[in-house]
Amino acid sequence: MNILDINGWEFILLIVIGVVVLGPERLPEYAAKLRTLIKQARVMADNARSQLREQMGPEFDDIDWQAFDPRQYDPRRIVREALLEDGEEDFSAFNPFKEPSRPRRDPALPTPWDVDAT
């Protein structure tokens, strides 16, 4: 999986937008700045990883890093698991976005009127 999660056409579109917004004369300068920024971010991440490995010792290799991935925390899944924790019901068929079924009203009849609501 790509870090930015963009495909080839999206990347080409970003380049075209960059050329239009920045102009072809400033684009190489900003590309170099972006490259430098990415290199610095990688160096900082590597330094943080090595510092953490130094401080934790051999326990660093035993950590399951997938458990700390924020992409796995889907609020819908968390609520569903919390509701099913008791094991009472399975709410998998429940869809809050489904239009509730209502009885159809005959258009030939007059519209209902509530005196107290108006």
PDB file of N, CA and C in Angstrom:
ATOM      1  N   MET A   1       0.844  -1.175   0.000  1.00  0.00           N
ATOM      2  CA  MET A   1       0.000   0.000   0.000  1.00  0.00           C
ATOM      3  C   MET A   1       0.890   1.239   0.000  1.00  0.00           C
ATOM      4  N   ASN A   2       0.471   2.194  -0.731  1.00  0.00           N
ATOM      5  CA  ASN A   2       1.185   3.450  -0.840  1.00  0.00           C
ATOM      6  C   ASN A   2       0.900   4.306   0.394  1.00  0.00           C
ATOM      7  N   ILE A   3       1.889   5.054   0.852  1.00  0.00           N
ATOM      8  CA  ILE A   3       1.708   5.888   2.037  1.00  0.00           C
ATOM      9  C   ILE A   3       0.622   6.929   1.790  1.00  0.00           C
ATOM     10  N   LEU A   4       0.671   7.585   0.651  1.00  0.00           N
ATOM     11  CA  LEU A   4      -0.332   8.602   0.351  1.00  0.00           C
ATOM     12  C   LEU A   4      -1.604   8.004  -0.219  1.00  0.00           C
ATOM     13  N   ASP A   5      -1.547   6.738  -0.601  1.00  0.00           N
ATOM     14  CA  ASP A   5      -2.691   6.017  -1.143  1.00  0.00           C
ATOM     15  C   ASP A   5      -3.301   6.735  -2.340  1.00  0.00           C
ATOM     16  N   ILE A   6      -2.442   7.097  -3.301  1.00  0.00           N
ATOM     17  CA  ILE A   6      -2.916   7.700  -4.537  1.00  0.00           C
ATOM     18  C   ILE A   6      -2.466   6.822  -5.694  1.00  0.00           C
ATOM     19  N   ASN A   7      -3.271   6.811  -6.761  1.00  0.00           N
ATOM     20  CA  ASN A   7      -2.896   6.015  -7.916  1.00  0.00           C
ATOM     21  C   ASN A   7      -2.154   6.881  -8.929  1.00  0.00           C
ATOM     22  N   GLY A   8      -1.813   6.324 -10.063  1.00  0.00           N
ATOM     23  CA  GLY A   8      -1.014   7.024 -11.059  1.00  0.00           C
ATOM     24  C   GLY A   8      -1.697   8.250 -11.629  1.00  0.00           C
ATOM     25  N   TRP A   9      -3.007   8.145 -11.927  1.00  0.00           N
ATOM     26  CA  TRP A   9      -3.718   9.283 -12.502  1.00  0.00           C
ATOM     27  C   TRP A   9      -3.836  10.430 -11.504  1.00  0.00           C
ATOM     28  N   GLU A  10      -4.032  10.113 -10.241  1.00  0.00           N
ATOM     29  CA  GLU A  10      -4.096  11.162  -9.222  1.00  0.00           C
ATOM     30  C   GLU A  10      -2.750  11.855  -9.078  1.00  0.00           C
ATOM     31  N   PHE A  11      -1.666  11.093  -9.188  1.00  0.00           N
ATOM     32  CA  PHE A  11      -0.328  11.674  -9.096  1.00  0.00           C
ATOM     33  C   PHE A  11      -0.072  12.614 -10.273  1.00  0.00           C
ATOM     34  N   ILE A  12      -0.455  12.183 -11.471  1.00  0.00           N
ATOM     35  CA  ILE A  12      -0.276  13.030 -12.652  1.00  0.00           C
ATOM     36  C   ILE A  12      -1.117  14.300 -12.519  1.00  0.00           C
ATOM     37  N   LEU A  13      -2.332  14.170 -12.006  1.00  0.00           N
ATOM     38  CA  LEU A  13      -3.182  15.336 -11.794  1.00  0.00           C
ATOM     39  C   LEU A  13      -2.549  16.299 -10.795  1.00  0.00           C
ATOM     40  N   LEU A  14      -1.949  15.770  -9.731  1.00  0.00           N
ATOM     41  CA  LEU A  14      -1.262  16.632  -8.758  1.00  0.00           C
ATOM     42  C   LEU A  14      -0.088  17.363  -9.390  1.00  0.00           C
ATOM     43  N   ILE A  15       0.637  16.698 -10.266  1.00  0.00           N
ATOM     44  CA  ILE A  15       1.763  17.347 -10.944  1.00  0.00           C
ATOM     45  C   ILE A  15       1.257  18.467 -11.851  1.00  0.00           C
ATOM     46  N   VAL A  16       0.188  18.201 -12.592  1.00  0.00           N
ATOM     47  CA  VAL A  16      -0.378  19.232 -13.479  1.00  0.00           C
ATOM     48  C   VAL A  16      -0.864  20.427 -12.658  1.00  0.00           C
ATOM     49  N   ILE A  17      -1.536  20.173 -11.549  1.00  0.00           N
ATOM     50  CA  ILE A  17      -2.002  21.262 -10.684  1.00  0.00           C
ATOM     51  C   ILE A  17      -0.804  22.038 -10.138  1.00  0.00           C
ATOM     52  N   GLY A  18       0.258  21.317  -9.766  1.00  0.00           N
ATOM     53  CA  GLY A  18       1.466  21.980  -9.278  1.00  0.00           C
ATOM     54  C   GLY A  18       2.096  22.878 -10.322  1.00  0.00           C
ATOM     55  N   VAL A  19       2.125  22.421 -11.558  1.00  0.00           N
ATOM     56  CA  VAL A  19       2.695  23.237 -12.639  1.00  0.00           C
ATOM     57  C   VAL A  19       1.842  24.483 -12.856  1.00  0.00           C
ATOM     58  N   VAL A  20       0.529  24.320 -12.803  1.00  0.00           N
ATOM     59  CA  VAL A  20      -0.352  25.468 -13.029  1.00  0.00           C
ATOM     60  C   VAL A  20      -0.261  26.457 -11.874  1.00  0.00           C
ATOM     61  N   VAL A  21      -0.276  25.966 -10.638  1.00  0.00           N
ATOM     62  CA  VAL A  21      -0.279  26.856  -9.481  1.00  0.00           C
ATOM     63  C   VAL A  21       1.085  27.502  -9.261  1.00  0.00           C
ATOM     64  N   LEU A  22       2.139  26.704  -9.282  1.00  0.00           N
ATOM     65  CA  LEU A  22       3.473  27.229  -8.989  1.00  0.00           C
ATOM     66  C   LEU A  22       4.147  27.835 -10.207  1.00  0.00           C
ATOM     67  N   GLY A  23       3.812  27.337 -11.345  1.00  0.00           N
ATOM     68  CA  GLY A  23       4.483  27.803 -12.552  1.00  0.00           C
ATOM     69  C   GLY A  23       5.683  26.930 -12.828  1.00  0.00           C
ATOM     70  N   PRO A  24       6.017  26.751 -14.105  1.00  0.00           N
ATOM     71  CA  PRO A  24       7.130  25.854 -14.438  1.00  0.00           C
ATOM     72  C   PRO A  24       8.490  26.368 -13.964  1.00  0.00           C
ATOM     73  N   GLU A  25       8.620  27.672 -13.750  1.00  0.00           N
ATOM     74  CA  GLU A  25       9.929  28.181 -13.321  1.00  0.00           C
ATOM     75  C   GLU A  25      10.202  27.925 -11.845  1.00  0.00           C
ATOM     76  N   ARG A  26       9.168  27.848 -11.003  1.00  0.00           N
ATOM     77  CA  ARG A  26       9.377  27.616  -9.568  1.00  0.00           C
ATOM     78  C   ARG A  26       9.199  26.159  -9.173  1.00  0.00           C
ATOM     79  N   LEU A  27       8.690  25.325 -10.055  1.00  0.00           N
ATOM     80  CA  LEU A  27       8.419  23.927  -9.731  1.00  0.00           C
ATOM     81  C   LEU A  27       9.671  23.149  -9.319  1.00  0.00           C
ATOM     82  N   PRO A  28      10.812  23.273 -10.005  1.00  0.00           N
ATOM     83  CA  PRO A  28      12.008  22.534  -9.553  1.00  0.00           C
ATOM     84  C   PRO A  28      12.468  22.940  -8.149  1.00  0.00           C
ATOM     85  N   GLU A  29      12.327  24.217  -7.830  1.00  0.00           N
ATOM     86  CA  GLU A  29      12.731  24.690  -6.499  1.00  0.00           C
ATOM     87  C   GLU A  29      11.861  24.044  -5.419  1.00  0.00           C
ATOM     88  N   TYR A  30      10.552  24.003  -5.643  1.00  0.00           N
ATOM     89  CA  TYR A  30       9.654  23.409  -4.662  1.00  0.00           C
ATOM     90  C   TYR A  30       9.776  21.890  -4.620  1.00  0.00           C
ATOM     91  N   ALA A  31      10.099  21.265  -5.737  1.00  0.00           N
ATOM     92  CA  ALA A  31      10.333  19.820  -5.742  1.00  0.00           C
ATOM     93  C   ALA A  31      11.562  19.483  -4.904  1.00  0.00           C
ATOM     94  N   ALA A  32      12.599  20.297  -5.006  1.00  0.00           N
ATOM     95  CA  ALA A  32      13.808  20.086  -4.198  1.00  0.00           C
ATOM     96  C   ALA A  32      13.503  20.284  -2.718  1.00  0.00           C
ATOM     97  N   LYS A  33      12.687  21.291  -2.402  1.00  0.00           N
ATOM     98  CA  LYS A  33      12.311  21.513  -1.002  1.00  0.00           C
ATOM     99  C   LYS A  33      11.505  20.333  -0.460  1.00  0.00           C
ATOM    100  N   LEU A  34      10.608  19.802  -1.287  1.00  0.00           N
ATOM    101  CA  LEU A  34       9.812  18.645  -0.876  1.00  0.00           C
ATOM    102  C   LEU A  34      10.708  17.435  -0.642  1.00  0.00           C
ATOM    103  N   ARG A  35      11.675  17.217  -1.532  1.00  0.00           N
ATOM    104  CA  ARG A  35      12.607  16.105  -1.379  1.00  0.00           C
ATOM    105  C   ARG A  35      13.393  16.242  -0.073  1.00  0.00           C
ATOM    106  N   THR A  36      13.863  17.447   0.230  1.00  0.00           N
ATOM    107  CA  THR A  36      14.610  17.688   1.468  1.00  0.00           C
ATOM    108  C   THR A  36      13.722  17.436   2.691  1.00  0.00           C
ATOM    109  N   LEU A  37      12.474  17.879   2.611  1.00  0.00           N
ATOM    110  CA  LEU A  37      11.547  17.671   3.721  1.00  0.00           C
ATOM    111  C   LEU A  37      11.287  16.190   3.960  1.00  0.00           C
ATOM    112  N   ILE A  38      11.124  15.432   2.892  1.00  0.00           N
ATOM    113  CA  ILE A  38      10.891  13.992   3.033  1.00  0.00           C
ATOM    114  C   ILE A  38      12.114  13.299   3.618  1.00  0.00           C
ATOM    115  N   LYS A  39      13.299  13.684   3.175  1.00  0.00           N
ATOM    116  CA  LYS A  39      14.526  13.095   3.731  1.00  0.00           C
ATOM    117  C   LYS A  39      14.647  13.397   5.215  1.00  0.00           C
ATOM    118  N   GLN A  40      14.348  14.647   5.614  1.00  0.00           N
ATOM    119  CA  GLN A  40      14.427  15.012   7.031  1.00  0.00           C
ATOM    120  C   GLN A  40      13.409  14.223   7.854  1.00  0.00           C
ATOM    121  N   ALA A  41      12.215  14.030   7.316  1.00  0.00           N
ATOM    122  CA  ALA A  41      11.199  13.265   8.047  1.00  0.00           C
ATOM    123  C   ALA A  41      11.634  11.815   8.225  1.00  0.00           C
ATOM    124  N   ARG A  42      12.246  11.235   7.188  1.00  0.00           N
ATOM    125  CA  ARG A  42      12.736   9.854   7.313  1.00  0.00           C
ATOM    126  C   ARG A  42      13.845   9.749   8.343  1.00  0.00           C
ATOM    127  N   VAL A  43      14.769  10.712   8.339  1.00  0.00           N
ATOM    128  CA  VAL A  43      15.867  10.700   9.309  1.00  0.00           C
ATOM    129  C   VAL A  43      15.306  10.830  10.726  1.00  0.00           C
ATOM    130  N   MET A  44      14.311  11.722  10.920  1.00  0.00           N
ATOM    131  CA  MET A  44      13.720  11.887  12.250  1.00  0.00           C
ATOM    132  C   MET A  44      13.014  10.607  12.692  1.00  0.00           C
ATOM    133  N   ALA A  45      12.310   9.948  11.780  1.00  0.00           N
ATOM    134  CA  ALA A  45      11.624   8.700  12.128  1.00  0.00           C
ATOM    135  C   ALA A  45      12.625   7.604  12.463  1.00  0.00           C
ATOM    136  N   ASP A  46      13.693   7.509  11.689  1.00  0.00           N
ATOM    137  CA  ASP A  46      14.727   6.505  11.982  1.00  0.00           C
ATOM    138  C   ASP A  46      15.401   6.777  13.317  1.00  0.00           C
ATOM    139  N   ASN A  47      15.675   8.053  13.605  1.00  0.00           N
ATOM    140  CA  ASN A  47      16.289   8.402  14.887  1.00  0.00           C
ATOM    141  C   ASN A  47      15.357   8.078  16.054  1.00  0.00           C
ATOM    142  N   ALA A  48      14.081   8.365  15.887  1.00  0.00           N
ATOM    143  CA  ALA A  48      13.113   8.064  16.955  1.00  0.00           C
ATOM    144  C   ALA A  48      13.020   6.558  17.173  1.00  0.00           C
ATOM    145  N   ARG A  49      13.022   5.800  16.084  1.00  0.00           N
ATOM    146  CA  ARG A  49      12.942   4.342  16.197  1.00  0.00           C
ATOM    147  C   ARG A  49      14.183   3.789  16.903  1.00  0.00           C
ATOM    148  N   SER A  50      15.353   4.271  16.511  1.00  0.00           N
ATOM    149  CA  SER A  50      16.579   3.763  17.138  1.00  0.00           C
ATOM    150  C   SER A  50      16.660   4.184  18.597  1.00  0.00           C
ATOM    151  N   GLN A  51      16.197   5.400  18.930  1.00  0.00           N
ATOM    152  CA  GLN A  51      16.207   5.850  20.319  1.00  0.00           C
ATOM    153  C   GLN A  51      15.234   5.011  21.158  1.00  0.00           C
ATOM    154  N   LEU A  52      14.079   4.706  20.598  1.00  0.00           N
ATOM    155  CA  LEU A  52      13.113   3.872  21.299  1.00  0.00           C
ATOM    156  C   LEU A  52      13.661   2.462  21.493  1.00  0.00           C
ATOM    157  N   ARG A  53      14.330   1.941  20.477  1.00  0.00           N
ATOM    158  CA  ARG A  53      14.928   0.606  20.585  1.00  0.00           C
ATOM    159  C   ARG A  53      16.011   0.590  21.664  1.00  0.00           C
ATOM    160  N   GLU A  54      16.805   1.654  21.749  1.00  0.00           N
ATOM    161  CA  GLU A  54      17.840   1.748  22.786  1.00  0.00           C
ATOM    162  C   GLU A  54      17.226   1.753  24.179  1.00  0.00           C
ATOM    163  N   GLN A  55      16.175   2.551  24.341  1.00  0.00           N
ATOM    164  CA  GLN A  55      15.583   2.712  25.663  1.00  0.00           C
ATOM    165  C   GLN A  55      14.790   1.481  26.101  1.00  0.00           C
ATOM    166  N   MET A  56      14.162   0.795  25.165  1.00  0.00           N
ATOM    167  CA  MET A  56      13.349  -0.362  25.531  1.00  0.00           C
ATOM    168  C   MET A  56      14.153  -1.649  25.612  1.00  0.00           C
ATOM    169  N   GLY A  57      15.209  -1.726  24.888  1.00  0.00           N
ATOM    170  CA  GLY A  57      16.007  -2.939  24.905  1.00  0.00           C
ATOM    171  C   GLY A  57      15.379  -4.036  24.068  1.00  0.00           C
ATOM    172  N   PRO A  58      15.509  -5.289  24.511  1.00  0.00           N
ATOM    173  CA  PRO A  58      15.006  -6.410  23.711  1.00  0.00           C
ATOM    174  C   PRO A  58      13.475  -6.476  23.631  1.00  0.00           C
ATOM    175  N   GLU A  59      12.774  -5.791  24.519  1.00  0.00           N
ATOM    176  CA  GLU A  59      11.311  -5.812  24.466  1.00  0.00           C
ATOM    177  C   GLU A  59      10.768  -5.117  23.222  1.00  0.00           C
ATOM    178  N   PHE A  60      11.569  -4.273  22.589  1.00  0.00           N
ATOM    179  CA  PHE A  60      11.135  -3.538  21.400  1.00  0.00           C
ATOM    180  C   PHE A  60      10.726  -4.488  20.277  1.00  0.00           C
ATOM    181  N   ASP A  61      11.455  -5.577  20.123  1.00  0.00           N
ATOM    182  CA  ASP A  61      11.155  -6.527  19.048  1.00  0.00           C
ATOM    183  C   ASP A  61       9.916  -7.375  19.355  1.00  0.00           C
ATOM    184  N   ASP A  62       9.498  -7.437  20.631  1.00  0.00           N
ATOM    185  CA  ASP A  62       8.340  -8.251  21.009  1.00  0.00           C
ATOM    186  C   ASP A  62       7.011  -7.516  20.849  1.00  0.00           C
ATOM    187  N   ILE A  63       7.059  -6.210  20.562  1.00  0.00           N
ATOM    188  CA  ILE A  63       5.829  -5.410  20.474  1.00  0.00           C
ATOM    189  C   ILE A  63       5.103  -5.704  19.173  1.00  0.00           C
ATOM    190  N   ASP A  64       3.788  -5.868  19.283  1.00  0.00           N
ATOM    191  CA  ASP A  64       2.940  -6.045  18.102  1.00  0.00           C
ATOM    192  C   ASP A  64       2.520  -4.655  17.628  1.00  0.00           C
ATOM    193  N   TRP A  65       3.223  -4.110  16.635  1.00  0.00           N
ATOM    194  CA  TRP A  65       2.979  -2.743  16.171  1.00  0.00           C
ATOM    195  C   TRP A  65       1.658  -2.617  15.427  1.00  0.00           C
ATOM    196  N   GLN A  66       1.113  -3.713  14.925  1.00  0.00           N
ATOM    197  CA  GLN A  66      -0.175  -3.660  14.243  1.00  0.00           C
ATOM    198  C   GLN A  66      -1.297  -3.281  15.215  1.00  0.00           C
ATOM    199  N   ALA A  67      -1.130  -3.607  16.480  1.00  0.00           N
ATOM    200  CA  ALA A  67      -2.157  -3.278  17.466  1.00  0.00           C
ATOM    201  C   ALA A  67      -2.262  -1.779  17.690  1.00  0.00           C
ATOM    202  N   PHE A  68      -1.221  -1.027  17.348  1.00  0.00           N
ATOM    203  CA  PHE A  68      -1.210   0.418  17.545  1.00  0.00           C
ATOM    204  C   PHE A  68      -1.486   1.190  16.263  1.00  0.00           C
ATOM    205  N   ASP A  69      -1.891   0.516  15.217  1.00  0.00           N
ATOM    206  CA  ASP A  69      -2.177   1.167  13.941  1.00  0.00           C
ATOM    207  C   ASP A  69      -3.517   1.894  14.043  1.00  0.00           C
ATOM    208  N   PRO A  70      -3.548   3.223  13.889  1.00  0.00           N
ATOM    209  CA  PRO A  70      -4.801   3.963  14.066  1.00  0.00           C
ATOM    210  C   PRO A  70      -5.835   3.664  12.994  1.00  0.00           C
ATOM    211  N   ARG A  71      -5.443   3.079  11.878  1.00  0.00           N
ATOM    212  CA  ARG A  71      -6.408   2.786  10.825  1.00  0.00           C
ATOM    213  C   ARG A  71      -7.355   1.658  11.208  1.00  0.00           C
ATOM    214  N   GLN A  72      -7.020   0.889  12.238  1.00  0.00           N
ATOM    215  CA  GLN A  72      -7.878  -0.225  12.637  1.00  0.00           C
ATOM    216  C   GLN A  72      -9.015   0.228  13.552  1.00  0.00           C
ATOM    217  N   TYR A  73      -8.983   1.447  14.016  1.00  0.00           N
ATOM    218  CA  TYR A  73      -9.990   1.925  14.958  1.00  0.00           C
ATOM    219  C   TYR A  73     -11.155   2.567  14.216  1.00  0.00           C
ATOM    220  N   ASP A  74     -12.061   1.737  13.764  1.00  0.00           N
ATOM    221  CA  ASP A  74     -13.264   2.185  13.098  1.00  0.00           C
ATOM    222  C   ASP A  74     -14.337   2.346  14.173  1.00  0.00           C
ATOM    223  N   PRO A  75     -14.867   3.555  14.356  1.00  0.00           N
ATOM    224  CA  PRO A  75     -15.850   3.759  15.431  1.00  0.00           C
ATOM    225  C   PRO A  75     -17.060   2.835  15.326  1.00  0.00           C
ATOM    226  N   ARG A  76     -17.496   2.532  14.106  1.00  0.00           N
ATOM    227  CA  ARG A  76     -18.648   1.645  13.950  1.00  0.00           C
ATOM    228  C   ARG A  76     -18.337   0.253  14.478  1.00  0.00           C
ATOM    229  N   ARG A  77     -17.124  -0.234  14.202  1.00  0.00           N
ATOM    230  CA  ARG A  77     -16.739  -1.562  14.673  1.00  0.00           C
ATOM    231  C   ARG A  77     -16.623  -1.567  16.189  1.00  0.00           C
ATOM    232  N   ILE A  78     -16.070  -0.513  16.767  1.00  0.00           N
ATOM    233  CA  ILE A  78     -15.897  -0.445  18.217  1.00  0.00           C
ATOM    234  C   ILE A  78     -17.249  -0.455  18.916  1.00  0.00           C
ATOM    235  N   VAL A  79     -18.209   0.321  18.402  1.00  0.00           N
ATOM    236  CA  VAL A  79     -19.541   0.352  19.009  1.00  0.00           C
ATOM    237  C   VAL A  79     -20.223  -0.996  18.845  1.00  0.00           C
ATOM    238  N   ARG A  80     -20.098  -1.601  17.665  1.00  0.00           N
ATOM    239  CA  ARG A  80     -20.724  -2.899  17.428  1.00  0.00           C
ATOM    240  C   ARG A  80     -20.163  -3.938  18.386  1.00  0.00           C
ATOM    241  N   GLU A  81     -18.852  -3.943  18.575  1.00  0.00           N
ATOM    242  CA  GLU A  81     -18.246  -4.914  19.491  1.00  0.00           C
ATOM    243  C   GLU A  81     -18.675  -4.655  20.931  1.00  0.00           C
ATOM    244  N   ALA A  82     -18.818  -3.374  21.296  1.00  0.00           N
ATOM    245  CA  ALA A  82     -19.252  -3.057  22.654  1.00  0.00           C
ATOM    246  C   ALA A  82     -20.690  -3.503  22.885  1.00  0.00           C
ATOM    247  N   LEU A  83     -21.538  -3.345  21.862  1.00  0.00           N
ATOM    248  CA  LEU A  83     -22.929  -3.770  22.005  1.00  0.00           C
ATOM    249  C   LEU A  83     -23.046  -5.287  22.056  1.00  0.00           C
ATOM    250  N   LEU A  84     -22.208  -5.980  21.320  1.00  0.00           N
ATOM    251  CA  LEU A  84     -22.267  -7.436  21.276  1.00  0.00           C
ATOM    252  C   LEU A  84     -21.477  -8.085  22.400  1.00  0.00           C
ATOM    253  N   GLU A  85     -20.879  -7.274  23.264  1.00  0.00           N
ATOM    254  CA  GLU A  85     -20.054  -7.811  24.339  1.00  0.00           C
ATOM    255  C   GLU A  85     -20.860  -8.732  25.253  1.00  0.00           C
ATOM    256  N   ASP A  86     -22.130  -8.398  25.481  1.00  0.00           N
ATOM    257  CA  ASP A  86     -22.970  -9.228  26.342  1.00  0.00           C
ATOM    258  C   ASP A  86     -23.386 -10.515  25.655  1.00  0.00           C
ATOM    259  N   GLY A  87     -23.290 -10.558  24.332  1.00  0.00           N
ATOM    260  CA  GLY A  87     -23.660 -11.738  23.581  1.00  0.00           C
ATOM    261  C   GLY A  87     -25.154 -11.905  23.422  1.00  0.00           C
ATOM    262  N   GLU A  88     -25.913 -10.823  23.596  1.00  0.00           N
ATOM    263  CA  GLU A  88     -27.363 -10.934  23.529  1.00  0.00           C
ATOM    264  C   GLU A  88     -27.874 -11.074  22.101  1.00  0.00           C
ATOM    265  N   GLU A  89     -27.511 -10.122  21.235  1.00  0.00           N
ATOM    266  CA  GLU A  89     -28.057 -10.095  19.885  1.00  0.00           C
ATOM    267  C   GLU A  89     -26.954  -9.837  18.878  1.00  0.00           C
ATOM    268  N   ASP A  90     -27.288 -10.122  17.639  1.00  0.00           N
ATOM    269  CA  ASP A  90     -26.396  -9.780  16.536  1.00  0.00           C
ATOM    270  C   ASP A  90     -27.034  -8.619  15.788  1.00  0.00           C
ATOM    271  N   PHE A  91     -26.369  -7.461  15.804  1.00  0.00           N
ATOM    272  CA  PHE A  91     -26.903  -6.265  15.167  1.00  0.00           C
ATOM    273  C   PHE A  91     -26.376  -6.084  13.748  1.00  0.00           C
ATOM    274  N   SER A  92     -25.829  -7.124  13.134  1.00  0.00           N
ATOM    275  CA  SER A  92     -25.227  -6.972  11.817  1.00  0.00           C
ATOM    276  C   SER A  92     -26.257  -6.620  10.752  1.00  0.00           C
ATOM    277  N   ALA A  93     -27.525  -7.000  10.945  1.00  0.00           N
ATOM    278  CA  ALA A  93     -28.548  -6.683   9.944  1.00  0.00           C
ATOM    279  C   ALA A  93     -29.088  -5.272  10.119  1.00  0.00           C
ATOM    280  N   PHE A  94     -28.782  -4.617  11.231  1.00  0.00           N
ATOM    281  CA  PHE A  94     -29.285  -3.278  11.483  1.00  0.00           C
ATOM    282  C   PHE A  94     -28.552  -2.282  10.609  1.00  0.00           C
ATOM    283  N   ASN A  95     -29.300  -1.504   9.841  1.00  0.00           N
ATOM    284  CA  ASN A  95     -28.723  -0.472   8.984  1.00  0.00           C
ATOM    285  C   ASN A  95     -29.423   0.839   9.299  1.00  0.00           C
ATOM    286  N   PRO A  96     -28.746   1.769  10.012  1.00  0.00           N
ATOM    287  CA  PRO A  96     -29.412   3.019  10.394  1.00  0.00           C
ATOM    288  C   PRO A  96     -29.700   3.926   9.203  1.00  0.00           C
ATOM    289  N   PHE A  97     -29.082   3.676   8.059  1.00  0.00           N
ATOM    290  CA  PHE A  97     -29.265   4.533   6.893  1.00  0.00           C
ATOM    291  C   PHE A  97     -30.365   4.032   5.964  1.00  0.00           C
ATOM    292  N   LYS A  98     -30.943   2.887   6.289  1.00  0.00           N
ATOM    293  CA  LYS A  98     -32.014   2.333   5.474  1.00  0.00           C
ATOM    294  C   LYS A  98     -33.290   3.108   5.746  1.00  0.00           C
ATOM    295  N   GLU A  99     -33.976   3.448   4.702  1.00  0.00           N
ATOM    296  CA  GLU A  99     -35.239   4.183   4.830  1.00  0.00           C
ATOM    297  C   GLU A  99     -36.267   3.294   5.519  1.00  0.00           C
ATOM    298  N   PRO A 100     -36.889   3.768   6.598  1.00  0.00           N
ATOM    299  CA  PRO A 100     -37.876   2.930   7.279  1.00  0.00           C
ATOM    300  C   PRO A 100     -39.105   2.740   6.380  1.00  0.00           C
ATOM    301  N   SER A 101     -39.703   1.592   6.511  1.00  0.00           N
ATOM    302  CA  SER A 101     -40.889   1.321   5.692  1.00  0.00           C
ATOM    303  C   SER A 101     -42.078   2.026   6.321  1.00  0.00           C
ATOM    304  N   ARG A 102     -42.771   2.815   5.511  1.00  0.00           N
ATOM    305  CA  ARG A 102     -43.944   3.557   5.962  1.00  0.00           C
ATOM    306  C   ARG A 102     -45.133   3.150   5.103  1.00  0.00           C
ATOM    307  N   PRO A 103     -46.307   3.185   5.703  1.00  0.00           N
ATOM    308  CA  PRO A 103     -47.481   2.883   4.877  1.00  0.00           C
ATOM    309  C   PRO A 103     -47.685   3.994   3.854  1.00  0.00           C
ATOM    310  N   ARG A 104     -48.030   3.603   2.666  1.00  0.00           N
ATOM    311  CA  ARG A 104     -48.252   4.582   1.606  1.00  0.00           C
ATOM    312  C   ARG A 104     -49.591   5.274   1.815  1.00  0.00           C
ATOM    313  N   ARG A 105     -49.596   6.580   1.582  1.00  0.00           N
ATOM    314  CA  ARG A 105     -50.802   7.378   1.729  1.00  0.00           C
ATOM    315  C   ARG A 105     -51.475   7.530   0.377  1.00  0.00           C
ATOM    316  N   ASP A 106     -52.757   7.447   0.374  1.00  0.00           N
ATOM    317  CA  ASP A 106     -53.515   7.595  -0.863  1.00  0.00           C
ATOM    318  C   ASP A 106     -53.558   9.076  -1.228  1.00  0.00           C
ATOM    319  N   PRO A 107     -53.030   9.472  -2.397  1.00  0.00           N
ATOM    320  CA  PRO A 107     -53.009  10.894  -2.758  1.00  0.00           C
ATOM    321  C   PRO A 107     -54.404  11.460  -3.020  1.00  0.00           C
ATOM    322  N   ALA A 108     -55.400  10.626  -3.201  1.00  0.00           N
ATOM    323  CA  ALA A 108     -56.757  11.122  -3.431  1.00  0.00           C
ATOM    324  C   ALA A 108     -57.389  11.627  -2.139  1.00  0.00           C
ATOM    325  N   LEU A 109     -56.891  11.157  -0.996  1.00  0.00           N
ATOM    326  CA  LEU A 109     -57.429  11.594   0.294  1.00  0.00           C
ATOM    327  C   LEU A 109     -56.863  12.958   0.650  1.00  0.00           C
ATOM    328  N   PRO A 110     -57.604  13.743   1.454  1.00  0.00           N
ATOM    329  CA  PRO A 110     -57.065  15.047   1.876  1.00  0.00           C
ATOM    330  C   PRO A 110     -55.868  14.867   2.808  1.00  0.00           C
ATOM    331  N   THR A 111     -55.029  15.867   2.805  1.00  0.00           N
ATOM    332  CA  THR A 111     -53.831  15.832   3.657  1.00  0.00           C
ATOM    333  C   THR A 111     -54.255  15.911   5.114  1.00  0.00           C
ATOM    334  N   PRO A 112     -53.647  15.061   5.986  1.00  0.00           N
ATOM    335  CA  PRO A 112     -53.999  15.109   7.414  1.00  0.00           C
ATOM    336  C   PRO A 112     -53.614  16.473   8.012  1.00  0.00           C
ATOM    337  N   TRP A 113     -54.452  16.943   8.926  1.00  0.00           N
ATOM    338  CA  TRP A 113     -54.228  18.270   9.511  1.00  0.00           C
ATOM    339  C   TRP A 113     -54.270  18.130  11.022  1.00  0.00           C
ATOM    340  N   ASP A 114     -53.245  18.658  11.697  1.00  0.00           N
ATOM    341  CA  ASP A 114     -53.204  18.617  13.153  1.00  0.00           C
ATOM    342  C   ASP A 114     -53.340  20.026  13.670  1.00  0.00           C
ATOM    343  N   VAL A 115     -54.433  20.335  14.305  1.00  0.00           N
ATOM    344  CA  VAL A 115     -54.718  21.685  14.774  1.00  0.00           C
ATOM    345  C   VAL A 115     -53.741  22.073  15.876  1.00  0.00           C
ATOM    346  N   ASP A 116     -53.383  21.138  16.738  1.00  0.00           N
ATOM    347  CA  ASP A 116     -52.495  21.452  17.858  1.00  0.00           C
ATOM    348  C   ASP A 116     -51.051  21.696  17.428  1.00  0.00           C
ATOM    349  N   ALA A 117     -50.643  21.158  16.275  1.00  0.00           N
ATOM    350  CA  ALA A 117     -49.244  21.290  15.853  1.00  0.00           C
ATOM    351  C   ALA A 117     -48.965  22.626  15.183  1.00  0.00           C
ATOM    352  N   THR A 118     -50.008  23.341  14.747  1.00  0.00           N
ATOM    353  CA  THR A 118     -49.762  24.604  14.042  1.00  0.00           C
ATOM    354  C   THR A 118     -50.095  25.801  14.866  1.00  0.00           C
TER     355      THR A 118
END
